[in-house]
Each structure stands twice: as C-alpha cells, then as structure tokens.
Amino acid sequence: MRGSDRTRAKAAFEATRGQEMDASWSEFISRAVMNEVLRRERVYNEGNPFPGGTRNLAPGRKLAP
C-alpha cells in the first residue's frame, strides 16, 4: 500500500470514526476489505463465496513508513 493511500485512509478513519461507529482501525480495514470481497463475489461469482483462501499468500513489500 502506498504511503499516501495509507495516510488518506487513516485521515478518513479518524475524521469519521464516530459517525461510522468504528471500534478500531482494524474494524475499519476489515469492513473496507469485506466490501471489496462482496463486490468481487457479486461481479465474478454470482454473489457466492469463492472456494479456497486457505493457502498462504506470497508476501508483498513492507508498508512504507
């Protein structure tokens, strides 16, 4: 994740956490990821969960400081 994207996400979280009732940064990230998961399931798999997901993924680059 680019540092500028992370900074933008953190700013959005901090500015709206009260209105959105976010318990934590982790909850915010989880909700964002699950929204994308649901979209991809809807678009590419008739709204059903994809099989798999149990293998370890290849590590990416570390987040920028």
C-alpha atoms as a PDB file:
ATOM      1  CA  MET A   1       0.000   0.000   0.000  1.00  0.00           C
ATOM      2  CA  ARG A   2       1.410   3.362  -0.943  1.00  0.00           C
ATOM      3  CA  GLY A   3       2.152   5.636   1.954  1.00  0.00           C
ATOM      4  CA  SER A   4      -0.098   8.351   0.509  1.00  0.00           C
ATOM      5  CA  ASP A   5      -3.005   5.880   0.297  1.00  0.00           C
ATOM      6  CA  ARG A   6      -2.454   4.782   3.891  1.00  0.00           C
ATOM      7  CA  THR A   7      -2.345   8.407   5.048  1.00  0.00           C
ATOM      8  CA  ARG A   8      -5.588   9.144   3.199  1.00  0.00           C
ATOM      9  CA  ALA A   9      -7.288   6.074   4.687  1.00  0.00           C
ATOM     10  CA  LYS A  10      -6.161   6.990   8.203  1.00  0.00           C
ATOM     11  CA  ALA A  11      -7.447  10.545   7.758  1.00  0.00           C
ATOM     12  CA  ALA A  12     -10.848   9.252   6.590  1.00  0.00           C
ATOM     13  CA  PHE A  13     -10.977   6.836   9.531  1.00  0.00           C
ATOM     14  CA  GLU A  14     -10.047   9.498  12.069  1.00  0.00           C
ATOM     15  CA  ALA A  15     -12.481  12.055  10.629  1.00  0.00           C
ATOM     16  CA  THR A  16     -15.490   9.711  10.542  1.00  0.00           C
ATOM     17  CA  ARG A  17     -14.930   7.023  13.159  1.00  0.00           C
ATOM     18  CA  GLY A  18     -17.567   8.497  15.463  1.00  0.00           C
ATOM     19  CA  GLN A  19     -20.235   8.809  12.793  1.00  0.00           C
ATOM     20  CA  GLU A  20     -19.491   5.339  11.417  1.00  0.00           C
ATOM     21  CA  MET A  21     -19.142   3.786  14.893  1.00  0.00           C
ATOM     22  CA  ASP A  22     -15.756   2.221  14.098  1.00  0.00           C
ATOM     23  CA  ALA A  23     -14.451   0.431  17.162  1.00  0.00           C
ATOM     24  CA  SER A  24     -10.897   0.380  15.805  1.00  0.00           C
ATOM     25  CA  TRP A  25      -8.617   0.846  12.805  1.00  0.00           C
ATOM     26  CA  SER A  26      -8.721  -2.952  12.364  1.00  0.00           C
ATOM     27  CA  GLU A  27     -12.511  -2.884  12.137  1.00  0.00           C
ATOM     28  CA  PHE A  28     -12.312  -0.104   9.536  1.00  0.00           C
ATOM     29  CA  ILE A  29      -9.831  -2.097   7.425  1.00  0.00           C
ATOM     30  CA  SER A  30     -11.868  -5.294   7.785  1.00  0.00           C
ATOM     31  CA  ARG A  31     -15.037  -3.535   6.641  1.00  0.00           C
ATOM     32  CA  ALA A  32     -13.247  -1.996   3.656  1.00  0.00           C
ATOM     33  CA  VAL A  33     -11.805  -5.357   2.609  1.00  0.00           C
ATOM     34  CA  MET A  34     -15.117  -7.171   3.040  1.00  0.00           C
ATOM     35  CA  ASN A  35     -16.910  -4.560   0.903  1.00  0.00           C
ATOM     36  CA  GLU A  36     -14.461  -5.338  -1.913  1.00  0.00           C
ATOM     37  CA  VAL A  37     -14.809  -9.098  -1.337  1.00  0.00           C
ATOM     38  CA  LEU A  38     -18.603  -8.854  -1.601  1.00  0.00           C
ATOM     39  CA  ARG A  39     -18.308  -6.759  -4.769  1.00  0.00           C
ATOM     40  CA  ARG A  40     -15.999  -9.288  -6.442  1.00  0.00           C
ATOM     41  CA  GLU A  41     -18.192 -12.215  -5.409  1.00  0.00           C
ATOM     42  CA  ARG A  42     -21.200 -10.407  -6.888  1.00  0.00           C
ATOM     43  CA  VAL A  43     -19.420  -9.466 -10.135  1.00  0.00           C
ATOM     44  CA  TYR A  44     -17.419 -12.635 -10.764  1.00  0.00           C
ATOM     45  CA  ASN A  45     -19.105 -15.479  -8.866  1.00  0.00           C
ATOM     46  CA  GLU A  46     -22.877 -14.883  -8.865  1.00  0.00           C
ATOM     47  CA  GLY A  47     -22.704 -13.489  -5.332  1.00  0.00           C
ATOM     48  CA  ASN A  48     -21.264 -16.681  -3.879  1.00  0.00           C
ATOM     49  CA  PRO A  49     -18.041 -17.009  -1.868  1.00  0.00           C
ATOM     50  CA  PHE A  50     -15.069 -18.224  -3.888  1.00  0.00           C
ATOM     51  CA  PRO A  51     -13.614 -21.594  -2.908  1.00  0.00           C
ATOM     52  CA  GLY A  52     -10.171 -21.727  -1.368  1.00  0.00           C
ATOM     53  CA  GLY A  53      -8.456 -18.957   0.521  1.00  0.00           C
ATOM     54  CA  THR A  54      -6.612 -21.284   2.866  1.00  0.00           C
ATOM     55  CA  ARG A  55      -3.148 -21.086   1.275  1.00  0.00           C
ATOM     56  CA  ASN A  56      -0.595 -18.555   2.449  1.00  0.00           C
ATOM     57  CA  LEU A  57      -0.194 -15.676   0.025  1.00  0.00           C
ATOM     58  CA  ALA A  58       3.184 -14.565  -1.241  1.00  0.00           C
ATOM     59  CA  PRO A  59       4.414 -11.685   0.904  1.00  0.00           C
ATOM     60  CA  GLY A  60       4.415  -8.256  -0.658  1.00  0.00           C
ATOM     61  CA  ARG A  61       6.631  -5.320   0.085  1.00  0.00           C
ATOM     62  CA  LYS A  62       6.572  -3.892   3.585  1.00  0.00           C
ATOM     63  CA  LEU A  63       4.400  -0.830   4.122  1.00  0.00           C
ATOM     64  CA  ALA A  64       6.252   2.414   3.647  1.00  0.00           C
ATOM     65  CA  PRO A  65       6.980   4.252   6.912  1.00  0.00           C
END
